[in-house]
Amino acid sequence: MDPGASEELLNVYDLEGRVVGAQPRRAAKESGLVVGAVNVLVLGDGGRLLMQRRPADKENGGRWDKSVGGHVSAGEDFDTTAVREGGEELFDDPASTQVRLARDEREFEALEATVDLGRTVLLLRVGLQLALRDVRVAPDGSLRNVLYHLALYHGRTAVPIEGFRPQKSEIDELRYFTPAEVDHLLLGGRMPPNMAFLWLTQAHALLTRRRPE
């Protein structure tokens, strides 16, 4: 039996971002072609960042990582993946209605002022990084490189930690951190390289995003 037959199929892309096919997850990440991924940074009350700690048997295990992350499945676009992964990882439900994606900045601001953020995670796509060469730690301690087209999202919520239902297979713990605490995680080597990249490049815009009065 083909060992890849039971694996999730992922989109693979050319360097310009065009989908050129689909491959099983492991083969796609080892193919040298570009894989699609979404990374989400969600800010909670008090300007605290929602972060997840990865299980020891996963890549970057034991480290504190982004709020939500995942690969783009075959046939999906980045936005569909972001909403699905948000539902899966934060509420153990890929179809959760508690994750909403705004179409643009204007809609994000309108929804931020009107939806119940105590039950909702609101997302906005803020960028696309092409051909990011990621370095990650495998469960056996070896290093892996994967080439990604990475869609970046900012988020806002007031859901308390006990209001989440984290996906047990992907997340050991969810926690809110102050910006200073995230800085200490970075300097202490307790975040994976990709999360360090996100924090260094996205933190200012995330933390200073204007909120409706």
Protein backbone atom coordinates (compact mmCIF):
# COMPACT_ATOMS: atom_id res chain seq x y z
CA MET A 1 0.00 0.00 0.00
CA ASP A 2 1.23 3.48 -0.85
CA PRO A 3 2.30 5.06 2.51
CA GLY A 4 1.06 8.42 1.27
CA ALA A 5 -2.40 7.14 0.41
CA SER A 6 -3.84 7.91 3.85
CA GLU A 7 -2.14 11.30 4.21
CA GLU A 8 -3.84 14.63 3.70
CA LEU A 9 -3.28 16.02 0.20
CA LEU A 10 -1.70 19.49 0.05
CA ASN A 11 -1.51 22.04 -2.72
CA VAL A 12 1.96 22.53 -4.20
CA TYR A 13 2.88 25.79 -5.93
CA ASP A 14 5.41 27.32 -8.26
CA LEU A 15 7.55 30.22 -7.06
CA GLU A 16 5.01 32.78 -8.32
CA GLY A 17 2.21 31.32 -6.20
CA ARG A 18 0.35 29.30 -8.84
CA VAL A 19 -1.00 25.88 -7.83
CA VAL A 20 0.77 23.21 -9.91
CA GLY A 21 -0.60 20.06 -8.32
CA ALA A 22 -1.33 18.20 -5.11
CA GLN A 23 0.76 15.71 -3.15
CA PRO A 24 0.47 13.79 0.12
CA ARG A 25 1.60 15.90 3.07
CA ARG A 26 5.01 14.30 3.69
CA ALA A 27 5.93 14.09 0.00
CA ALA A 28 4.83 17.69 -0.60
CA LYS A 29 7.04 18.99 2.20
CA GLU A 30 10.01 16.97 0.95
CA SER A 31 9.48 17.64 -2.76
CA GLY A 32 11.38 20.91 -3.03
CA LEU A 33 8.21 22.49 -4.39
CA VAL A 34 6.44 25.23 -2.44
CA VAL A 35 3.73 24.30 0.07
CA GLY A 36 0.99 26.71 1.16
CA ALA A 37 0.52 27.63 4.82
CA VAL A 38 -1.42 30.06 7.01
CA ASN A 39 -0.12 31.72 10.17
CA VAL A 40 -2.46 33.61 12.50
CA LEU A 41 -1.59 35.95 15.38
CA VAL A 42 -4.60 36.67 17.62
CA LEU A 43 -4.58 39.52 20.12
CA GLY A 44 -6.74 39.21 23.20
CA ASP A 45 -7.81 41.67 25.87
CA GLY A 46 -5.05 43.76 27.40
CA GLY A 47 -2.92 43.48 24.28
CA ARG A 48 -1.96 39.88 25.07
CA LEU A 49 -1.02 37.41 22.34
CA LEU A 50 -2.73 34.03 22.17
CA MET A 51 -0.10 31.30 21.73
CA GLN A 52 -0.14 27.52 21.58
CA ARG A 53 2.44 25.06 22.91
CA ARG A 54 3.11 22.21 20.52
CA PRO A 55 3.05 18.55 21.65
CA ALA A 56 6.44 16.85 21.97
CA ASP A 57 5.70 14.42 19.11
CA LYS A 58 5.09 17.23 16.59
CA GLU A 59 7.48 19.46 14.66
CA ASN A 60 8.75 22.24 16.94
CA GLY A 61 7.41 20.21 19.87
CA GLY A 62 7.45 21.83 23.30
CA ARG A 63 7.87 25.33 21.86
CA TRP A 64 5.41 28.22 22.05
CA ASP A 65 4.02 28.95 18.62
CA LYS A 66 1.56 31.19 16.76
CA SER A 67 -2.15 31.33 17.64
CA VAL A 68 -3.18 29.19 14.66
CA GLY A 69 -1.21 27.61 11.84
CA GLY A 70 -1.71 25.00 9.15
CA HIS A 71 -1.12 23.79 5.62
CA VAL A 72 -3.34 24.54 2.64
CA SER A 73 -5.18 21.37 1.68
CA ALA A 74 -5.65 20.37 -1.95
CA GLY A 75 -8.43 22.41 -3.52
CA GLU A 76 -8.48 25.04 -0.77
CA ASP A 77 -7.40 28.67 -0.90
CA PHE A 78 -5.49 30.39 1.92
CA ASP A 79 -8.54 32.08 3.45
CA THR A 80 -10.58 28.87 3.58
CA THR A 81 -7.66 27.16 5.30
CA ALA A 82 -7.28 29.96 7.86
CA VAL A 83 -10.92 29.71 8.95
CA ARG A 84 -10.91 25.90 8.98
CA GLU A 85 -7.66 25.68 10.94
CA GLY A 86 -8.88 28.32 13.38
CA GLY A 87 -11.98 26.26 14.07
CA GLU A 88 -10.05 23.00 14.35
CA GLU A 89 -7.24 24.22 16.59
CA LEU A 90 -9.11 26.63 18.86
CA PHE A 91 -12.57 25.01 19.07
CA ASP A 92 -11.95 21.42 17.89
CA ASP A 93 -14.43 22.01 15.07
CA PRO A 94 -13.37 22.85 11.49
CA ALA A 95 -16.84 24.26 10.80
CA SER A 96 -17.00 26.40 13.95
CA THR A 97 -18.97 29.61 13.53
CA GLN A 98 -16.84 31.21 16.25
CA VAL A 99 -14.10 32.00 13.72
CA ARG A 100 -14.92 34.80 11.26
CA LEU A 101 -12.83 36.28 8.47
CA ALA A 102 -13.28 39.91 7.46
CA ARG A 103 -12.97 40.70 3.76
CA ASP A 104 -10.97 43.87 4.33
CA GLU A 105 -9.83 46.37 6.96
CA ARG A 106 -13.09 48.28 6.87
CA GLU A 107 -15.19 45.19 7.52
CA PHE A 108 -12.76 44.08 10.24
CA GLU A 109 -13.23 47.37 12.10
CA ALA A 110 -17.02 47.19 11.72
CA LEU A 111 -17.19 43.62 12.99
CA GLU A 112 -14.77 44.37 15.82
CA ALA A 113 -17.21 46.98 17.07
CA THR A 114 -20.36 44.86 16.72
CA VAL A 115 -19.72 41.11 17.16
CA ASP A 116 -19.47 39.39 20.53
CA LEU A 117 -15.70 39.02 20.83
CA GLY A 118 -16.25 37.06 24.03
CA ARG A 119 -17.33 34.20 21.78
CA THR A 120 -15.69 35.09 18.46
CA VAL A 121 -12.21 35.08 16.94
CA LEU A 122 -12.13 37.71 14.20
CA LEU A 123 -9.47 37.42 11.47
CA LEU A 124 -8.07 39.67 8.77
CA ARG A 125 -5.56 38.68 6.09
CA VAL A 126 -2.67 41.14 6.15
CA GLY A 127 -0.07 39.72 3.78
CA LEU A 128 1.44 36.93 1.73
CA GLN A 129 5.10 35.95 2.02
CA LEU A 130 6.32 34.05 -1.04
CA ALA A 131 9.03 31.37 -0.89
CA LEU A 132 9.80 31.51 2.82
CA ARG A 133 12.48 28.92 3.64
CA ASP A 134 11.44 27.63 7.05
CA VAL A 135 13.68 25.77 9.49
CA ARG A 136 11.94 23.50 11.98
CA VAL A 137 12.85 20.82 14.53
CA ALA A 138 11.59 17.30 13.86
CA PRO A 139 10.38 15.12 16.78
CA ASP A 140 13.70 13.21 16.65
CA GLY A 141 15.64 16.46 17.06
CA SER A 142 16.82 16.71 13.45
CA LEU A 143 16.33 19.86 11.35
CA ARG A 144 13.89 20.12 8.47
CA ASN A 145 13.56 22.74 5.76
CA VAL A 146 10.28 23.44 4.00
CA LEU A 147 9.60 26.09 1.35
CA TYR A 148 6.33 27.94 1.99
CA HIS A 149 4.03 30.51 0.50
CA LEU A 150 2.75 31.92 3.76
CA ALA A 151 -0.51 33.86 4.19
CA LEU A 152 -0.43 36.07 7.30
CA TYR A 153 -3.48 36.96 9.41
CA HIS A 154 -4.08 39.22 12.38
CA GLY A 155 -6.90 38.46 14.77
CA ARG A 156 -8.85 39.92 17.68
CA THR A 157 -10.82 38.16 20.41
CA ALA A 158 -11.94 38.44 24.01
CA VAL A 159 -12.55 34.70 24.45
CA PRO A 160 -11.13 33.63 27.84
CA ILE A 161 -8.72 30.69 27.83
CA GLU A 162 -11.39 28.46 29.36
CA GLY A 163 -13.68 29.36 26.44
CA PHE A 164 -11.45 27.57 23.94
CA ARG A 165 -11.50 23.84 23.16
CA PRO A 166 -7.97 23.29 21.81
CA GLN A 167 -7.41 20.37 19.46
CA LYS A 168 -5.61 17.84 21.67
CA SER A 169 -3.66 16.20 18.85
CA GLU A 170 -2.09 19.54 17.85
CA ILE A 171 -1.98 21.66 21.04
CA ASP A 172 -0.73 20.87 24.54
CA GLU A 173 -1.69 24.26 25.97
CA LEU A 174 -3.16 27.62 25.02
CA ARG A 175 -2.11 30.74 26.91
CA TYR A 176 -2.19 34.53 26.58
CA PHE A 177 1.18 36.32 26.85
CA THR A 178 2.01 40.00 27.23
CA PRO A 179 4.34 41.44 24.56
CA ALA A 180 7.20 41.49 27.08
CA GLU A 181 6.62 37.82 27.86
CA VAL A 182 6.68 36.97 24.15
CA ASP A 183 9.99 38.85 23.85
CA HIS A 184 11.42 36.70 26.65
CA LEU A 185 10.19 33.51 24.95
CA LEU A 186 11.98 34.59 21.78
CA LEU A 187 15.24 35.50 23.54
CA GLY A 188 15.14 32.28 25.54
CA GLY A 189 14.85 30.12 22.42
CA ARG A 190 11.39 28.87 23.40
CA MET A 191 9.74 29.76 20.08
CA PRO A 192 10.36 28.10 16.69
CA PRO A 193 12.16 30.15 14.01
CA ASN A 194 8.97 30.78 12.04
CA MET A 195 7.23 32.23 15.10
CA ALA A 196 10.24 34.43 15.79
CA PHE A 197 9.97 35.73 12.21
CA LEU A 198 6.26 36.44 12.70
CA TRP A 199 6.78 38.28 15.97
CA LEU A 200 9.63 40.42 14.65
CA THR A 201 7.83 41.38 11.44
CA GLN A 202 4.17 41.54 12.57
CA ALA A 203 4.16 42.56 16.23
CA HIS A 204 4.25 46.33 15.71
CA ALA A 205 1.32 46.34 13.27
CA LEU A 206 -0.64 43.88 15.38
CA LEU A 207 -0.15 45.75 18.65
CA THR A 208 -0.87 49.20 17.21
CA ARG A 209 -3.91 48.25 15.11
CA ARG A 210 -6.54 50.93 15.64
CA ARG A 211 -9.65 49.74 17.42
CA PRO A 212 -13.07 51.40 17.22
CA GLU A 213 -14.03 53.50 20.26
